[in-house]
C-alpha atoms as a PDB file:
ATOM      1  CA  MET A   1      -4.208   3.160 -25.939  1.00  0.00           C
ATOM      2  CA  THR A   2      -3.999   0.685 -22.544  1.00  0.00           C
ATOM      3  CA  ALA A   3      -2.534   2.258 -19.776  1.00  0.00           C
ATOM      4  CA  HIS A   4       0.815   1.421 -17.693  1.00  0.00           C
ATOM      5  CA  VAL A   5      -0.067  -0.807 -14.623  1.00  0.00           C
ATOM      6  CA  LEU A   6       0.482   2.188 -11.393  1.00  0.00           C
ATOM      7  CA  ASP A   7       1.776  -1.371  -9.606  1.00  0.00           C
ATOM      8  CA  GLY A   8       0.903  -0.543  -5.932  1.00  0.00           C
ATOM      9  CA  ARG A   9       1.884  -3.788  -4.978  1.00  0.00           C
ATOM     10  CA  ALA A  10       5.456  -3.582  -6.482  1.00  0.00           C
ATOM     11  CA  VAL A  11       6.282   0.114  -5.272  1.00  0.00           C
ATOM     12  CA  ALA A  12       5.248  -1.584  -2.047  1.00  0.00           C
ATOM     13  CA  LYS A  13       7.868  -3.812  -1.605  1.00  0.00           C
ATOM     14  CA  GLN A  14      10.625  -1.494  -2.489  1.00  0.00           C
ATOM     15  CA  VAL A  15       9.623   0.473   0.580  1.00  0.00           C
ATOM     16  CA  TYR A  16       9.290  -2.349   2.806  1.00  0.00           C
ATOM     17  CA  ALA A  17      12.900  -3.095   1.957  1.00  0.00           C
ATOM     18  CA  GLU A  18      14.168   0.346   2.251  1.00  0.00           C
ATOM     19  CA  VAL A  19      12.917   0.120   5.398  1.00  0.00           C
ATOM     20  CA  GLY A  20      13.360  -3.514   6.475  1.00  0.00           C
ATOM     21  CA  GLN A  21      17.524  -1.516   5.589  1.00  0.00           C
ATOM     22  CA  ALA A  22      16.873   1.593   8.185  1.00  0.00           C
ATOM     23  CA  VAL A  23      15.480  -0.392  10.874  1.00  0.00           C
ATOM     24  CA  SER A  24      18.412  -3.019  10.491  1.00  0.00           C
ATOM     25  CA  GLU A  25      20.787  -0.447  10.218  1.00  0.00           C
ATOM     26  CA  ARG A  26      19.476   1.679  13.200  1.00  0.00           C
ATOM     27  CA  VAL A  27      19.422  -1.260  15.251  1.00  0.00           C
ATOM     28  CA  ALA A  28      23.355  -2.006  14.513  1.00  0.00           C
ATOM     29  CA  LYS A  29      24.408   1.187  15.515  1.00  0.00           C
ATOM     30  CA  GLY A  30      23.165   0.663  18.791  1.00  0.00           C
ATOM     31  CA  GLY A  31      19.744   2.674  18.373  1.00  0.00           C
ATOM     32  CA  SER A  32      16.049   2.167  19.177  1.00  0.00           C
ATOM     33  CA  ARG A  33      13.739  -0.408  17.431  1.00  0.00           C
ATOM     34  CA  PRO A  34      10.267   0.819  16.202  1.00  0.00           C
ATOM     35  CA  ARG A  35       7.495  -0.331  17.960  1.00  0.00           C
ATOM     36  CA  LEU A  36       3.758   0.019  16.387  1.00  0.00           C
ATOM     37  CA  ALA A  37       1.167  -0.627  19.010  1.00  0.00           C
ATOM     38  CA  THR A  38      -2.041  -1.405  17.365  1.00  0.00           C
ATOM     39  CA  VAL A  39      -5.616  -1.406  18.504  1.00  0.00           C
ATOM     40  CA  LEU A  40      -8.785  -2.439  17.319  1.00  0.00           C
ATOM     41  CA  VAL A  41     -12.476  -2.749  18.983  1.00  0.00           C
ATOM     42  CA  GLY A  42     -15.135  -5.619  18.555  1.00  0.00           C
ATOM     43  CA  ASP A  43     -15.034  -8.026  16.511  1.00  0.00           C
ATOM     44  CA  ASP A  44     -15.155  -6.913  13.177  1.00  0.00           C
ATOM     45  CA  PRO A  45     -13.557  -9.501  11.054  1.00  0.00           C
ATOM     46  CA  ALA A  46     -12.511  -7.752   8.315  1.00  0.00           C
ATOM     47  CA  SER A  47     -10.908  -4.794  10.411  1.00  0.00           C
ATOM     48  CA  ALA A  48      -9.042  -7.939  12.307  1.00  0.00           C
ATOM     49  CA  GLN A  49      -7.793  -9.052   8.878  1.00  0.00           C
ATOM     50  CA  TYR A  50      -6.295  -6.171   7.928  1.00  0.00           C
ATOM     51  CA  VAL A  51      -4.966  -5.742  11.783  1.00  0.00           C
ATOM     52  CA  GLU A  52      -3.567  -9.097  11.121  1.00  0.00           C
ATOM     53  CA  LEU A  53      -2.033  -8.269   7.790  1.00  0.00           C
ATOM     54  CA  LYS A  54      -0.330  -4.175   9.147  1.00  0.00           C
ATOM     55  CA  GLN A  55       1.107  -6.239  11.386  1.00  0.00           C
ATOM     56  CA  ARG A  56       2.837  -9.033   9.631  1.00  0.00           C
ATOM     57  CA  ASN A  57       3.804  -6.430   6.928  1.00  0.00           C
ATOM     58  CA  ALA A  58       6.360  -4.079  10.235  1.00  0.00           C
ATOM     59  CA  ARG A  59       7.170  -7.132  11.561  1.00  0.00           C
ATOM     60  CA  SER A  60       8.514  -7.792   8.203  1.00  0.00           C
ATOM     61  CA  VAL A  61      11.149  -5.119   7.799  1.00  0.00           C
ATOM     62  CA  GLY A  62      12.305  -5.602  11.739  1.00  0.00           C
ATOM     63  CA  ILE A  63       9.299  -3.255  13.593  1.00  0.00           C
ATOM     64  CA  ASP A  64       7.719  -4.721  16.818  1.00  0.00           C
ATOM     65  CA  SER A  65       4.481  -4.281  17.248  1.00  0.00           C
ATOM     66  CA  GLU A  66       2.212  -5.128  19.924  1.00  0.00           C
ATOM     67  CA  ASP A  67      -1.870  -5.451  19.582  1.00  0.00           C
ATOM     68  CA  HIS A  68      -4.638  -4.498  21.477  1.00  0.00           C
ATOM     69  CA  ARG A  69      -8.551  -5.720  21.206  1.00  0.00           C
ATOM     70  CA  LEU A  70     -11.145  -3.990  22.684  1.00  0.00           C
ATOM     71  CA  PRO A  71     -14.587  -5.296  23.237  1.00  0.00           C
ATOM     72  CA  ALA A  72     -17.499  -4.040  21.605  1.00  0.00           C
ATOM     73  CA  SER A  73     -18.617  -2.425  24.188  1.00  0.00           C
ATOM     74  CA  THR A  74     -15.412  -0.461  24.564  1.00  0.00           C
ATOM     75  CA  THR A  75     -17.028   3.059  25.958  1.00  0.00           C
ATOM     76  CA  THR A  76     -14.926   6.450  24.403  1.00  0.00           C
ATOM     77  CA  GLU A  77     -13.259   7.001  27.600  1.00  0.00           C
ATOM     78  CA  GLU A  78     -12.284   3.342  28.122  1.00  0.00           C
ATOM     79  CA  LEU A  79      -9.800   4.411  24.721  1.00  0.00           C
ATOM     80  CA  LEU A  80      -8.607   7.221  25.942  1.00  0.00           C
ATOM     81  CA  GLY A  81      -7.210   5.571  28.677  1.00  0.00           C
ATOM     82  CA  LEU A  82      -5.184   2.744  26.164  1.00  0.00           C
ATOM     83  CA  VAL A  83      -4.513   5.798  24.574  1.00  0.00           C
ATOM     84  CA  GLN A  84      -2.996   7.512  27.218  1.00  0.00           C
ATOM     85  CA  LYS A  85      -0.881   4.993  28.913  1.00  0.00           C
ATOM     86  CA  LEU A  86       1.136   3.868  24.580  1.00  0.00           C
ATOM     87  CA  ASN A  87       0.974   7.681  24.884  1.00  0.00           C
ATOM     88  CA  ARG A  88       3.608   7.438  28.224  1.00  0.00           C
ATOM     89  CA  ASP A  89       5.044   4.467  26.797  1.00  0.00           C
ATOM     90  CA  GLU A  90       7.920   5.289  25.320  1.00  0.00           C
ATOM     91  CA  ARG A  91       8.784   1.058  23.930  1.00  0.00           C
ATOM     92  CA  VAL A  92       6.370   1.897  21.817  1.00  0.00           C
ATOM     93  CA  SER A  93       6.979   4.565  18.104  1.00  0.00           C
ATOM     94  CA  ALA A  94       3.276   4.816  16.734  1.00  0.00           C
ATOM     95  CA  ILE A  95      -0.586   4.028  18.174  1.00  0.00           C
ATOM     96  CA  LEU A  96      -3.077   2.813  15.056  1.00  0.00           C
ATOM     97  CA  ILE A  97      -6.695   3.059  16.015  1.00  0.00           C
ATOM     98  CA  GLN A  98      -7.818   0.105  12.980  1.00  0.00           C
ATOM     99  CA  GLN A  99     -11.049   2.764  11.970  1.00  0.00           C
ATOM    100  CA  PRO A 100     -14.400   2.248  11.688  1.00  0.00           C
ATOM    101  CA  THR A 101     -14.905   2.131  14.990  1.00  0.00           C
ATOM    102  CA  PRO A 102     -18.311   1.489  16.894  1.00  0.00           C
ATOM    103  CA  LYS A 103     -20.908   4.135  16.953  1.00  0.00           C
ATOM    104  CA  GLN A 104     -20.404   5.109  20.744  1.00  0.00           C
ATOM    105  CA  ILE A 105     -16.625   5.743  20.693  1.00  0.00           C
ATOM    106  CA  ASP A 106     -15.940   9.787  20.200  1.00  0.00           C
ATOM    107  CA  MET A 107     -13.349   9.984  17.442  1.00  0.00           C
ATOM    108  CA  SER A 108     -12.357  13.583  17.332  1.00  0.00           C
ATOM    109  CA  ARG A 109     -11.893  12.745  20.958  1.00  0.00           C
ATOM    110  CA  ILE A 110      -9.507   9.995  20.696  1.00  0.00           C
ATOM    111  CA  VAL A 111      -7.700  12.021  18.006  1.00  0.00           C
ATOM    112  CA  MET A 112      -7.176  14.823  19.980  1.00  0.00           C
ATOM    113  CA  GLU A 113      -5.471  12.677  22.580  1.00  0.00           C
ATOM    114  CA  MET A 114      -2.634  10.868  20.955  1.00  0.00           C
ATOM    115  CA  ASP A 115       0.537  12.505  20.807  1.00  0.00           C
ATOM    116  CA  PRO A 116       1.074  13.931  17.899  1.00  0.00           C
ATOM    117  CA  VAL A 117       4.431  12.343  16.972  1.00  0.00           C
ATOM    118  CA  LYS A 118       3.031   8.581  17.693  1.00  0.00           C
ATOM    119  CA  ASP A 119      -0.409   9.193  15.183  1.00  0.00           C
ATOM    120  CA  VAL A 120       1.029   6.788  12.114  1.00  0.00           C
ATOM    121  CA  ASP A 121      -2.823   8.747  10.395  1.00  0.00           C
ATOM    122  CA  GLY A 122      -1.563  11.881  10.243  1.00  0.00           C
ATOM    123  CA  PHE A 123      -4.708  13.142  12.260  1.00  0.00           C
ATOM    124  CA  HIS A 124      -4.212  15.098  14.592  1.00  0.00           C
ATOM    125  CA  PRO A 125      -5.037  19.008  14.032  1.00  0.00           C
ATOM    126  CA  ILE A 126      -0.585  19.598  15.163  1.00  0.00           C
ATOM    127  CA  ASN A 127      -0.754  17.038  11.385  1.00  0.00           C
ATOM    128  CA  ALA A 128      -3.206  17.771   9.086  1.00  0.00           C
ATOM    129  CA  GLY A 129      -1.442  21.144  10.538  1.00  0.00           C
ATOM    130  CA  LYS A 130       1.895  20.990   9.038  1.00  0.00           C
ATOM    131  CA  VAL A 131       1.192  18.976   6.180  1.00  0.00           C
ATOM    132  CA  ALA A 132      -1.611  22.337   4.741  1.00  0.00           C
ATOM    133  CA  LEU A 133       1.106  24.334   5.675  1.00  0.00           C
ATOM    134  CA  GLY A 134       3.592  22.217   4.143  1.00  0.00           C
ATOM    135  CA  LEU A 135       6.028  22.199   6.860  1.00  0.00           C
ATOM    136  CA  SER A 136       8.109  18.582   6.367  1.00  0.00           C
ATOM    137  CA  ASP A 137       7.720  17.646  10.252  1.00  0.00           C
ATOM    138  CA  GLY A 138       4.153  16.884   9.663  1.00  0.00           C
ATOM    139  CA  VAL A 139       2.735  13.393   9.935  1.00  0.00           C
ATOM    140  CA  GLU A 140       1.555  13.406   6.095  1.00  0.00           C
ATOM    141  CA  PRO A 141      -1.650  10.515   6.239  1.00  0.00           C
ATOM    142  CA  CYS A 142      -0.776   6.618   4.569  1.00  0.00           C
ATOM    143  CA  THR A 143      -3.241   6.851   1.371  1.00  0.00           C
ATOM    144  CA  PRO A 144      -2.620   9.857   0.322  1.00  0.00           C
ATOM    145  CA  ALA A 145       1.600  10.207   0.579  1.00  0.00           C
ATOM    146  CA  GLY A 146       1.149   6.925  -0.330  1.00  0.00           C
ATOM    147  CA  ILE A 147      -0.732   8.199  -4.666  1.00  0.00           C
ATOM    148  CA  VAL A 148       2.104  10.632  -4.616  1.00  0.00           C
ATOM    149  CA  TYR A 149       4.614   8.032  -4.115  1.00  0.00           C
ATOM    150  CA  LEU A 150       3.487   6.084  -6.400  1.00  0.00           C
ATOM    151  CA  LEU A 151       2.786   8.414  -9.089  1.00  0.00           C
ATOM    152  CA  GLU A 152       6.854   9.183  -8.173  1.00  0.00           C
ATOM    153  CA  LYS A 153       8.446   6.352  -8.163  1.00  0.00           C
ATOM    154  CA  PHE A 154       6.726   5.487 -11.931  1.00  0.00           C
ATOM    155  CA  GLY A 155       8.163   9.321 -13.486  1.00  0.00           C
ATOM    156  CA  VAL A 156       4.516  10.371 -13.592  1.00  0.00           C
ATOM    157  CA  PRO A 157       5.567  14.147 -14.155  1.00  0.00           C
ATOM    158  CA  ILE A 158       3.419  16.412 -10.879  1.00  0.00           C
ATOM    159  CA  ALA A 159       4.634  19.515 -11.106  1.00  0.00           C
ATOM    160  CA  SER A 160       2.362  21.826 -13.688  1.00  0.00           C
ATOM    161  CA  ALA A 161       0.381  19.062 -14.229  1.00  0.00           C
ATOM    162  CA  ASN A 162      -3.327  19.334 -13.415  1.00  0.00           C
ATOM    163  CA  ALA A 163      -4.900  17.106 -11.231  1.00  0.00           C
ATOM    164  CA  VAL A 164      -7.639  16.488 -10.539  1.00  0.00           C
ATOM    165  CA  ILE A 165      -9.531  14.759  -6.899  1.00  0.00           C
ATOM    166  CA  VAL A 166     -12.876  13.572  -7.213  1.00  0.00           C
ATOM    167  CA  GLY A 167     -13.069  13.571  -3.503  1.00  0.00           C
ATOM    168  CA  ARG A 168     -12.925  15.569  -0.587  1.00  0.00           C
ATOM    169  CA  SER A 169     -13.006  13.722   2.540  1.00  0.00           C
ATOM    170  CA  ASN A 170     -10.134  14.779   5.354  1.00  0.00           C
ATOM    171  CA  LEU A 171      -8.894  11.156   4.492  1.00  0.00           C
ATOM    172  CA  VAL A 172      -8.028  11.115   1.101  1.00  0.00           C
ATOM    173  CA  GLY A 173      -9.314  14.245  -1.244  1.00  0.00           C
ATOM    174  CA  LYS A 174      -7.940  17.652   0.975  1.00  0.00           C
ATOM    175  CA  PRO A 175      -4.717  16.222   1.973  1.00  0.00           C
ATOM    176  CA  THR A 176      -4.028  14.921  -1.092  1.00  0.00           C
ATOM    177  CA  ALA A 177      -5.053  17.775  -2.501  1.00  0.00           C
ATOM    178  CA  LEU A 178      -2.510  19.501  -0.367  1.00  0.00           C
ATOM    179  CA  LEU A 179       0.709  17.255  -1.021  1.00  0.00           C
ATOM    180  CA  LEU A 180       0.221  17.418  -5.148  1.00  0.00           C
ATOM    181  CA  LEU A 181       0.376  21.668  -4.189  1.00  0.00           C
ATOM    182  CA  LYS A 182       2.786  21.409  -2.643  1.00  0.00           C
ATOM    183  CA  ARG A 183       5.335  19.355  -5.565  1.00  0.00           C
ATOM    184  CA  ASN A 184       3.574  22.273  -7.502  1.00  0.00           C
ATOM    185  CA  ALA A 185       0.849  20.613  -9.670  1.00  0.00           C
ATOM    186  CA  THR A 186      -2.640  23.219 -10.182  1.00  0.00           C
ATOM    187  CA  VAL A 187      -4.653  21.203  -8.221  1.00  0.00           C
ATOM    188  CA  THR A 188      -8.908  20.817  -8.062  1.00  0.00           C
ATOM    189  CA  VAL A 189     -11.763  19.198  -5.994  1.00  0.00           C
ATOM    190  CA  CYS A 190     -14.417  17.747  -7.027  1.00  0.00           C
ATOM    191  CA  HIS A 191     -16.862  15.400  -5.211  1.00  0.00           C
ATOM    192  CA  THR A 192     -21.014  13.660  -6.469  1.00  0.00           C
ATOM    193  CA  LYS A 193     -22.198  16.753  -6.405  1.00  0.00           C
ATOM    194  CA  THR A 194     -19.897  18.978  -8.613  1.00  0.00           C
ATOM    195  CA  ARG A 195     -21.656  20.277 -11.324  1.00  0.00           C
ATOM    196  CA  ASP A 196     -20.490  19.074 -15.086  1.00  0.00           C
ATOM    197  CA  LEU A 197     -18.365  16.848 -13.525  1.00  0.00           C
ATOM    198  CA  ALA A 198     -17.152  15.574 -16.702  1.00  0.00           C
ATOM    199  CA  GLY A 199     -16.086  18.836 -17.529  1.00  0.00           C
ATOM    200  CA  HIS A 200     -13.593  19.051 -14.260  1.00  0.00           C
ATOM    201  CA  THR A 201     -11.908  15.124 -15.090  1.00  0.00           C
ATOM    202  CA  ARG A 202     -11.303  15.628 -18.435  1.00  0.00           C
ATOM    203  CA  THR A 203      -8.480  18.707 -17.889  1.00  0.00           C
ATOM    204  CA  ALA A 204      -6.504  16.560 -15.985  1.00  0.00           C
ATOM    205  CA  ASP A 205      -3.766  15.399 -16.600  1.00  0.00           C
ATOM    206  CA  ILE A 206      -3.849  12.996 -12.960  1.00  0.00           C
ATOM    207  CA  LEU A 207      -7.064  12.051 -12.169  1.00  0.00           C
ATOM    208  CA  VAL A 208      -7.851  10.845  -8.305  1.00  0.00           C
ATOM    209  CA  ALA A 209     -11.640   9.122  -7.948  1.00  0.00           C
ATOM    210  CA  ALA A 210     -11.913   8.870  -4.233  1.00  0.00           C
ATOM    211  CA  ALA A 211     -15.683   9.713  -3.624  1.00  0.00           C
ATOM    212  CA  GLY A 212     -16.880   6.004  -2.810  1.00  0.00           C
ATOM    213  CA  ARG A 213     -19.295   5.318  -5.357  1.00  0.00           C
ATOM    214  CA  ALA A 214     -19.134   2.562  -8.195  1.00  0.00           C
ATOM    215  CA  ASN A 215     -18.514   3.685 -11.699  1.00  0.00           C
ATOM    216  CA  LEU A 216     -18.400   7.050 -10.837  1.00  0.00           C
ATOM    217  CA  VAL A 217     -15.643   8.115 -13.290  1.00  0.00           C
ATOM    218  CA  THR A 218     -16.763   7.121 -16.796  1.00  0.00           C
ATOM    219  CA  ARG A 219     -13.551   6.258 -19.960  1.00  0.00           C
ATOM    220  CA  GLU A 220     -15.358   9.419 -21.650  1.00  0.00           C
ATOM    221  CA  MET A 221     -15.132  11.172 -18.216  1.00  0.00           C
ATOM    222  CA  VAL A 222     -11.006  10.848 -18.778  1.00  0.00           C
ATOM    223  CA  LYS A 223      -8.943  12.995 -20.691  1.00  0.00           C
ATOM    224  CA  PRO A 224      -6.245  10.726 -23.423  1.00  0.00           C
ATOM    225  CA  GLY A 225      -3.744  10.077 -21.828  1.00  0.00           C
ATOM    226  CA  ALA A 226      -4.111  10.670 -17.733  1.00  0.00           C
ATOM    227  CA  ALA A 227      -2.515   8.939 -15.034  1.00  0.00           C
ATOM    228  CA  VAL A 228      -5.388   7.204 -12.739  1.00  0.00           C
ATOM    229  CA  VAL A 229      -5.877   6.810  -8.943  1.00  0.00           C
ATOM    230  CA  ASP A 230      -8.315   4.904  -8.200  1.00  0.00           C
ATOM    231  CA  VAL A 231      -8.390   5.355  -4.845  1.00  0.00           C
ATOM    232  CA  SER A 232     -12.069   4.556  -3.122  1.00  0.00           C
ATOM    233  CA  THR A 233     -12.927   0.652  -2.316  1.00  0.00           C
ATOM    234  CA  ASN A 234     -16.520  -0.810  -3.318  1.00  0.00           C
ATOM    235  CA  TRP A 235     -18.418  -3.998  -2.950  1.00  0.00           C
ATOM    236  CA  VAL A 236     -20.493  -5.081  -6.268  1.00  0.00           C
ATOM    237  CA  ASP A 237     -21.537  -8.952  -6.366  1.00  0.00           C
ATOM    238  CA  GLY A 238     -19.168  -9.502  -3.499  1.00  0.00           C
ATOM    239  CA  ARG A 239     -16.438  -8.091  -5.808  1.00  0.00           C
ATOM    240  CA  GLN A 240     -13.601  -5.225  -4.546  1.00  0.00           C
ATOM    241  CA  VAL A 241     -14.032  -2.517  -7.457  1.00  0.00           C
ATOM    242  CA  GLY A 242     -13.099   1.375  -6.987  1.00  0.00           C
ATOM    243  CA  ASP A 243     -14.845   4.893  -8.744  1.00  0.00           C
ATOM    244  CA  LEU A 244     -14.277   3.803 -12.272  1.00  0.00           C
ATOM    245  CA  GLY A 245     -16.502   2.085 -15.226  1.00  0.00           C
ATOM    246  CA  PRO A 246     -15.740  -0.096 -17.555  1.00  0.00           C
ATOM    247  CA  GLY A 247     -13.115   1.222 -20.167  1.00  0.00           C
ATOM    248  CA  VAL A 248     -11.377   3.640 -18.904  1.00  0.00           C
ATOM    249  CA  GLU A 249      -7.895   1.718 -19.146  1.00  0.00           C
ATOM    250  CA  GLU A 250      -8.352   2.038 -22.719  1.00  0.00           C
ATOM    251  CA  VAL A 251      -7.971   5.661 -22.550  1.00  0.00           C
ATOM    252  CA  ALA A 252      -5.764   6.396 -19.032  1.00  0.00           C
ATOM    253  CA  GLY A 253      -1.679   6.330 -19.737  1.00  0.00           C
ATOM    254  CA  TRP A 254      -1.038   5.432 -16.547  1.00  0.00           C
ATOM    255  CA  LEU A 255      -3.968   3.337 -13.716  1.00  0.00           C
ATOM    256  CA  THR A 256      -4.408   1.363 -10.523  1.00  0.00           C
ATOM    257  CA  PRO A 257      -5.914  -1.779 -10.521  1.00  0.00           C
ATOM    258  CA  ASN A 258      -8.498  -2.100  -7.948  1.00  0.00           C
ATOM    259  CA  PRO A 259      -7.422  -4.231  -5.580  1.00  0.00           C
ATOM    260  CA  GLY A 260      -3.469  -3.929  -5.908  1.00  0.00           C
ATOM    261  CA  GLY A 261      -2.607  -0.532  -6.622  1.00  0.00           C
ATOM    262  CA  VAL A 262      -3.194   1.965  -4.295  1.00  0.00           C
ATOM    263  CA  GLY A 263      -4.326  -0.145  -0.362  1.00  0.00           C
ATOM    264  CA  PRO A 264      -0.362  -1.566   0.356  1.00  0.00           C
ATOM    265  CA  MET A 265       0.827   1.964  -0.713  1.00  0.00           C
ATOM    266  CA  THR A 266      -1.241   2.758   2.456  1.00  0.00           C
ATOM    267  CA  ARG A 267      -0.157  -0.403   3.935  1.00  0.00           C
ATOM    268  CA  ALA A 268       3.688   0.417   3.884  1.00  0.00           C
ATOM    269  CA  MET A 269       3.283   3.826   4.006  1.00  0.00           C
ATOM    270  CA  LEU A 270       1.905   3.206   7.737  1.00  0.00           C
ATOM    271  CA  ILE A 271       5.806   0.751   7.745  1.00  0.00           C
ATOM    272  CA  LYS A 272       7.925   4.160   6.835  1.00  0.00           C
ATOM    273  CA  ASN A 273       5.453   6.255   8.939  1.00  0.00           C
ATOM    274  CA  THR A 274       5.873   4.536  12.473  1.00  0.00           C
ATOM    275  CA  TYR A 275       9.867   4.456  11.405  1.00  0.00           C
ATOM    276  CA  GLU A 276       9.941   8.149  10.956  1.00  0.00           C
ATOM    277  CA  ALA A 277       7.984   8.578  14.531  1.00  0.00           C
ATOM    278  CA  GLU A 278      10.656   6.822  15.745  1.00  0.00           C
ATOM    279  CA  VAL A 279      13.479   8.517  14.657  1.00  0.00           C
ATOM    280  CA  ARG A 280      12.262  11.922  15.390  1.00  0.00           C
ATOM    281  CA  ARG A 281      11.600  10.020  19.056  1.00  0.00           C
ATOM    282  CA  HIS A 282      14.915   9.421  19.461  1.00  0.00           C
ATOM    283  CA  PRO A 283      16.970  10.503  16.826  1.00  0.00           C
END
């Protein structure tokens, strides 16, 4: 068996086209144009590249963007001041703070200060709570939302499926489990300390690997025909890899490439969330 590719780049392109059309129609009717404010603290080259890419994605669909660069020495109080300013700015639809931030920044305080409507990442407790309760007006975190959107676009059955998440992070593992539960999957959340991890993963119709450990999931741990989503970004010998070991593609029925699977979907959901934030602010 050779797995069907869950091509994140192709589906992300569709998302951009749909958002671009929605923005054009909104503006043509006299509506406000969405605007994304990005914030980068420090000068990490990889983070700077990610911010620039997200801005290009926004501009490509007609969303305005503005970029705020702060020195690596920025304090929590200084970043809070910028967030409060962006909260008050009526032109700004959504706020993205590129992570990781320098160690002196208390991101829990930053997230709590952010306007939940402008919280494009869905990190604010109000949004997390709404997602947990299955409410429709909560901002869904970009990576989990992208995972589910990708599965649905390729017709992977979710309702009644056994889904196993390997990874319990607040950013990916937990919200992905909630979004799958909302669609009537039966969900098990595992992690690197789970006893008999393979015993759980072999039952999965949908397997999401998001533990951040290269080669954690071997081909023997995958149920034949399963849809396998490889989320993590690990670097081995200068090469990006996920959590999957060799040969998984010969067992799985569907498989995300890494890179080219979840990453493009995360950025696409960011742009979709930005548009939806402006719609919530100004219906």
